[in-house]
Amino acid sequence: MSTSFRRKATAVTFAVLALTLAGGGIAIAQPSAKAPQAAVKPTARDTNAQPPVTAESARSARALLKANSTLVATTTVVVVNPNGTKARGTGTVIKYGVGQYEVQFGFNVANGVYVATIGRPDACCIPPGGEVSVAPRLSTPNGVFVETRNSAGVPTDRGFHLVVHTL
């Protein structure tokens, strides 16, 4: 009789322990009634539209393509200052507005891979926080459109590093 009682007590102890752990895990997983300030979504972005291509931009793009028309595969790097001037690398930079840049190359990059990050042109310091987006430049096969924002999503002039790889 005592053996049966010990087995039942052990089973009940494990059952209580399992329910306690499961109940504690469920209680922890419950969302709080009030969302913390850090979880609040940032304000909505603009329409994500690029500014229209200017006559100067189109002329520059055609001239670069005409000068360098035979390129098979390449990786190109450019570092751009917040004011839209090129710090180093290849390409021509055009600044359209706050946080809006176009980088043109001497070859077609329409089917390339674009990678950008917020960065400084020098070896000093960590750059200010922010976001960067890249896309093929509309109507410009040798151009990449870059948009920079602060951490709240507001268009802001930020320096960036852009890598373009074409096949």
C-alpha atoms as a PDB file:
ATOM      1  CA  MET A   1       0.000   0.000   0.000  1.00  0.00           C
ATOM      2  CA  SER A   2       2.814   2.397   0.794  1.00  0.00           C
ATOM      3  CA  THR A   3       4.431   1.731  -2.600  1.00  0.00           C
ATOM      4  CA  SER A   4       1.230   2.624  -4.395  1.00  0.00           C
ATOM      5  CA  PHE A   5       0.899   5.788  -2.311  1.00  0.00           C
ATOM      6  CA  ARG A   6       4.520   6.848  -3.125  1.00  0.00           C
ATOM      7  CA  ARG A   7       3.932   6.349  -6.858  1.00  0.00           C
ATOM      8  CA  LYS A   8       0.766   8.420  -6.757  1.00  0.00           C
ATOM      9  CA  ALA A   9       2.489  11.149  -4.743  1.00  0.00           C
ATOM     10  CA  THR A  10       5.355  11.258  -7.223  1.00  0.00           C
ATOM     11  CA  ALA A  11       2.931  11.456 -10.154  1.00  0.00           C
ATOM     12  CA  VAL A  12       0.935  14.222  -8.474  1.00  0.00           C
ATOM     13  CA  THR A  13       4.147  16.138  -7.680  1.00  0.00           C
ATOM     14  CA  PHE A  14       5.276  15.991 -11.314  1.00  0.00           C
ATOM     15  CA  ALA A  15       1.800  16.982 -12.521  1.00  0.00           C
ATOM     16  CA  VAL A  16       1.733  20.008 -10.196  1.00  0.00           C
ATOM     17  CA  LEU A  17       5.248  20.986 -11.287  1.00  0.00           C
ATOM     18  CA  ALA A  18       4.314  20.678 -14.983  1.00  0.00           C
ATOM     19  CA  LEU A  19       1.151  22.734 -14.538  1.00  0.00           C
ATOM     20  CA  THR A  20       3.026  25.372 -12.561  1.00  0.00           C
ATOM     21  CA  LEU A  21       5.652  25.717 -15.280  1.00  0.00           C
ATOM     22  CA  ALA A  22       3.062  25.734 -18.054  1.00  0.00           C
ATOM     23  CA  GLY A  23       0.912  28.264 -16.243  1.00  0.00           C
ATOM     24  CA  GLY A  24       3.917  30.494 -15.581  1.00  0.00           C
ATOM     25  CA  GLY A  25       4.949  30.316 -19.221  1.00  0.00           C
ATOM     26  CA  ILE A  26       1.466  31.205 -20.379  1.00  0.00           C
ATOM     27  CA  ALA A  27       1.268  34.096 -17.939  1.00  0.00           C
ATOM     28  CA  ILE A  28       4.589  35.452 -19.164  1.00  0.00           C
ATOM     29  CA  ALA A  29       3.509  35.158 -22.794  1.00  0.00           C
ATOM     30  CA  GLN A  30       0.392  37.276 -22.258  1.00  0.00           C
ATOM     31  CA  PRO A  31       0.677  40.737 -23.855  1.00  0.00           C
ATOM     32  CA  SER A  32       0.589  43.674 -21.509  1.00  0.00           C
ATOM     33  CA  ALA A  33      -2.408  45.979 -21.621  1.00  0.00           C
ATOM     34  CA  LYS A  34      -0.275  48.993 -22.485  1.00  0.00           C
ATOM     35  CA  ALA A  35       2.424  48.805 -25.170  1.00  0.00           C
ATOM     36  CA  PRO A  36       5.819  50.170 -24.144  1.00  0.00           C
ATOM     37  CA  GLN A  37       6.985  53.347 -25.872  1.00  0.00           C
ATOM     38  CA  ALA A  38       9.742  51.456 -27.737  1.00  0.00           C
ATOM     39  CA  ALA A  39       7.154  49.237 -29.450  1.00  0.00           C
ATOM     40  CA  VAL A  40       5.231  52.140 -30.990  1.00  0.00           C
ATOM     41  CA  LYS A  41       5.429  52.169 -34.794  1.00  0.00           C
ATOM     42  CA  PRO A  42       7.252  55.088 -36.451  1.00  0.00           C
ATOM     43  CA  THR A  43       5.286  57.531 -38.534  1.00  0.00           C
ATOM     44  CA  ALA A  44       4.241  56.503 -42.030  1.00  0.00           C
ATOM     45  CA  ARG A  45       6.748  56.932 -44.844  1.00  0.00           C
ATOM     46  CA  ASP A  46       6.272  59.105 -47.896  1.00  0.00           C
ATOM     47  CA  THR A  47       5.042  57.640 -51.174  1.00  0.00           C
ATOM     48  CA  ASN A  48       8.463  56.092 -51.934  1.00  0.00           C
ATOM     49  CA  ALA A  49       8.474  57.891 -55.275  1.00  0.00           C
ATOM     50  CA  GLN A  50      11.711  59.055 -56.866  1.00  0.00           C
ATOM     51  CA  PRO A  51      12.028  62.646 -58.070  1.00  0.00           C
ATOM     52  CA  PRO A  52      11.814  63.083 -61.856  1.00  0.00           C
ATOM     53  CA  VAL A  53      14.988  62.647 -63.912  1.00  0.00           C
ATOM     54  CA  THR A  54      16.421  66.053 -64.787  1.00  0.00           C
ATOM     55  CA  ALA A  55      17.875  66.943 -68.178  1.00  0.00           C
ATOM     56  CA  GLU A  56      21.328  67.257 -66.580  1.00  0.00           C
ATOM     57  CA  SER A  57      21.018  63.803 -65.015  1.00  0.00           C
ATOM     58  CA  ALA A  58      19.969  62.235 -68.338  1.00  0.00           C
ATOM     59  CA  ARG A  59      22.831  63.959 -70.203  1.00  0.00           C
ATOM     60  CA  SER A  60      25.362  62.810 -67.594  1.00  0.00           C
ATOM     61  CA  ALA A  61      24.070  59.223 -67.692  1.00  0.00           C
ATOM     62  CA  ARG A  62      24.299  59.033 -71.508  1.00  0.00           C
ATOM     63  CA  ALA A  63      27.836  60.453 -71.483  1.00  0.00           C
ATOM     64  CA  LEU A  64      29.016  57.904 -68.889  1.00  0.00           C
ATOM     65  CA  LEU A  65      27.478  54.999 -70.818  1.00  0.00           C
ATOM     66  CA  LYS A  66      29.022  56.174 -74.071  1.00  0.00           C
ATOM     67  CA  ALA A  67      32.492  56.427 -72.481  1.00  0.00           C
ATOM     68  CA  ASN A  68      32.423  52.904 -70.944  1.00  0.00           C
ATOM     69  CA  SER A  69      30.222  50.535 -72.928  1.00  0.00           C
ATOM     70  CA  THR A  70      32.113  47.198 -72.690  1.00  0.00           C
ATOM     71  CA  LEU A  71      31.962  45.769 -69.182  1.00  0.00           C
ATOM     72  CA  VAL A  72      30.994  42.193 -68.354  1.00  0.00           C
ATOM     73  CA  ALA A  73      30.995  41.850 -64.546  1.00  0.00           C
ATOM     74  CA  THR A  74      32.224  44.165 -61.856  1.00  0.00           C
ATOM     75  CA  THR A  75      31.921  45.271 -58.267  1.00  0.00           C
ATOM     76  CA  THR A  76      31.998  49.012 -57.720  1.00  0.00           C
ATOM     77  CA  VAL A  77      32.184  50.936 -54.455  1.00  0.00           C
ATOM     78  CA  VAL A  78      31.442  54.592 -53.760  1.00  0.00           C
ATOM     79  CA  VAL A  79      31.435  56.560 -50.497  1.00  0.00           C
ATOM     80  CA  VAL A  80      29.200  59.638 -50.421  1.00  0.00           C
ATOM     81  CA  ASN A  81      29.211  62.542 -47.941  1.00  0.00           C
ATOM     82  CA  PRO A  82      25.914  63.792 -46.453  1.00  0.00           C
ATOM     83  CA  ASN A  83      26.040  66.882 -48.709  1.00  0.00           C
ATOM     84  CA  GLY A  84      26.076  64.688 -51.843  1.00  0.00           C
ATOM     85  CA  THR A  85      29.753  65.004 -52.737  1.00  0.00           C
ATOM     86  CA  LYS A  86      31.719  61.872 -53.540  1.00  0.00           C
ATOM     87  CA  ALA A  87      34.345  61.101 -50.876  1.00  0.00           C
ATOM     88  CA  ARG A  88      35.975  58.255 -52.830  1.00  0.00           C
ATOM     89  CA  GLY A  89      35.181  55.497 -55.257  1.00  0.00           C
ATOM     90  CA  THR A  90      33.782  55.564 -58.765  1.00  0.00           C
ATOM     91  CA  GLY A  91      30.670  57.166 -60.163  1.00  0.00           C
ATOM     92  CA  THR A  92      28.972  60.542 -60.290  1.00  0.00           C
ATOM     93  CA  VAL A  93      26.701  61.679 -57.448  1.00  0.00           C
ATOM     94  CA  ILE A  94      23.674  63.948 -57.907  1.00  0.00           C
ATOM     95  CA  LYS A  95      21.813  65.222 -54.819  1.00  0.00           C
ATOM     96  CA  TYR A  96      18.112  65.897 -55.428  1.00  0.00           C
ATOM     97  CA  GLY A  97      16.802  66.901 -52.030  1.00  0.00           C
ATOM     98  CA  VAL A  98      17.012  66.079 -48.365  1.00  0.00           C
ATOM     99  CA  GLY A  99      18.214  62.474 -48.189  1.00  0.00           C
ATOM    100  CA  GLN A 100      17.797  61.848 -51.952  1.00  0.00           C
ATOM    101  CA  TYR A 101      20.791  60.919 -54.082  1.00  0.00           C
ATOM    102  CA  GLU A 102      21.478  59.419 -57.483  1.00  0.00           C
ATOM    103  CA  VAL A 103      24.756  57.633 -58.174  1.00  0.00           C
ATOM    104  CA  GLN A 104      25.616  57.108 -61.857  1.00  0.00           C
ATOM    105  CA  PHE A 105      28.220  54.737 -63.222  1.00  0.00           C
ATOM    106  CA  GLY A 106      29.893  54.352 -66.596  1.00  0.00           C
ATOM    107  CA  PHE A 107      28.099  51.067 -67.285  1.00  0.00           C
ATOM    108  CA  ASN A 108      24.630  49.554 -67.085  1.00  0.00           C
ATOM    109  CA  VAL A 109      23.699  48.553 -63.515  1.00  0.00           C
ATOM    110  CA  ALA A 110      19.977  47.915 -64.102  1.00  0.00           C
ATOM    111  CA  ASN A 111      20.337  44.196 -63.355  1.00  0.00           C
ATOM    112  CA  GLY A 112      22.871  44.671 -60.600  1.00  0.00           C
ATOM    113  CA  VAL A 113      22.774  44.067 -56.878  1.00  0.00           C
ATOM    114  CA  TYR A 114      22.854  47.192 -54.697  1.00  0.00           C
ATOM    115  CA  VAL A 115      23.939  47.250 -51.058  1.00  0.00           C
ATOM    116  CA  ALA A 116      24.174  50.451 -49.015  1.00  0.00           C
ATOM    117  CA  THR A 117      24.789  51.340 -45.404  1.00  0.00           C
ATOM    118  CA  ILE A 118      24.907  54.581 -43.453  1.00  0.00           C
ATOM    119  CA  GLY A 119      28.582  55.452 -43.049  1.00  0.00           C
ATOM    120  CA  ARG A 120      31.195  58.135 -42.659  1.00  0.00           C
ATOM    121  CA  PRO A 121      33.889  58.869 -45.240  1.00  0.00           C
ATOM    122  CA  ASP A 122      36.690  58.852 -42.642  1.00  0.00           C
ATOM    123  CA  ALA A 123      38.049  56.401 -40.084  1.00  0.00           C
ATOM    124  CA  CYS A 124      36.684  58.414 -37.179  1.00  0.00           C
ATOM    125  CA  CYS A 125      33.687  57.683 -35.099  1.00  0.00           C
ATOM    126  CA  ILE A 126      30.478  55.755 -35.527  1.00  0.00           C
ATOM    127  CA  PRO A 127      28.006  57.377 -37.957  1.00  0.00           C
ATOM    128  CA  PRO A 128      24.672  58.683 -36.696  1.00  0.00           C
ATOM    129  CA  GLY A 129      21.869  56.129 -36.712  1.00  0.00           C
ATOM    130  CA  GLY A 130      19.491  55.966 -39.607  1.00  0.00           C
ATOM    131  CA  GLU A 131      18.105  54.033 -42.536  1.00  0.00           C
ATOM    132  CA  VAL A 132      19.129  53.763 -46.165  1.00  0.00           C
ATOM    133  CA  SER A 133      17.168  52.430 -49.160  1.00  0.00           C
ATOM    134  CA  VAL A 134      18.450  51.689 -52.663  1.00  0.00           C
ATOM    135  CA  ALA A 135      16.673  51.081 -55.968  1.00  0.00           C
ATOM    136  CA  PRO A 136      17.427  51.145 -59.679  1.00  0.00           C
ATOM    137  CA  ARG A 137      17.127  54.725 -60.944  1.00  0.00           C
ATOM    138  CA  LEU A 138      14.045  55.170 -63.108  1.00  0.00           C
ATOM    139  CA  SER A 139      14.827  55.792 -66.804  1.00  0.00           C
ATOM    140  CA  THR A 140      18.570  55.661 -66.084  1.00  0.00           C
ATOM    141  CA  PRO A 141      20.085  52.183 -66.673  1.00  0.00           C
ATOM    142  CA  ASN A 142      23.456  53.220 -65.232  1.00  0.00           C
ATOM    143  CA  GLY A 143      22.032  54.865 -62.106  1.00  0.00           C
ATOM    144  CA  VAL A 144      21.118  53.860 -58.561  1.00  0.00           C
ATOM    145  CA  PHE A 145      18.714  55.896 -56.426  1.00  0.00           C
ATOM    146  CA  VAL A 146      19.598  56.136 -52.723  1.00  0.00           C
ATOM    147  CA  GLU A 147      17.404  57.571 -49.975  1.00  0.00           C
ATOM    148  CA  THR A 148      18.581  58.156 -46.397  1.00  0.00           C
ATOM    149  CA  ARG A 149      16.453  58.767 -43.291  1.00  0.00           C
ATOM    150  CA  ASN A 150      16.984  59.191 -39.577  1.00  0.00           C
ATOM    151  CA  SER A 151      15.851  56.444 -37.187  1.00  0.00           C
ATOM    152  CA  ALA A 152      12.348  57.942 -37.007  1.00  0.00           C
ATOM    153  CA  GLY A 153      11.939  57.569 -40.787  1.00  0.00           C
ATOM    154  CA  VAL A 154      12.236  61.269 -41.631  1.00  0.00           C
ATOM    155  CA  PRO A 155      14.297  62.009 -44.790  1.00  0.00           C
ATOM    156  CA  THR A 156      17.685  63.261 -43.564  1.00  0.00           C
ATOM    157  CA  ASP A 157      21.054  63.861 -45.211  1.00  0.00           C
ATOM    158  CA  ARG A 158      23.306  60.969 -44.191  1.00  0.00           C
ATOM    159  CA  GLY A 159      26.620  59.810 -45.600  1.00  0.00           C
ATOM    160  CA  PHE A 160      26.567  56.304 -47.045  1.00  0.00           C
ATOM    161  CA  HIS A 161      28.655  53.561 -48.597  1.00  0.00           C
ATOM    162  CA  LEU A 162      27.240  51.945 -51.749  1.00  0.00           C
ATOM    163  CA  VAL A 163      28.400  48.677 -53.321  1.00  0.00           C
ATOM    164  CA  VAL A 164      27.081  47.693 -56.759  1.00  0.00           C
ATOM    165  CA  HIS A 165      27.760  44.263 -58.223  1.00  0.00           C
ATOM    166  CA  THR A 166      26.808  43.510 -61.801  1.00  0.00           C
ATOM    167  CA  LEU A 167      26.911  40.214 -63.710  1.00  0.00           C
END
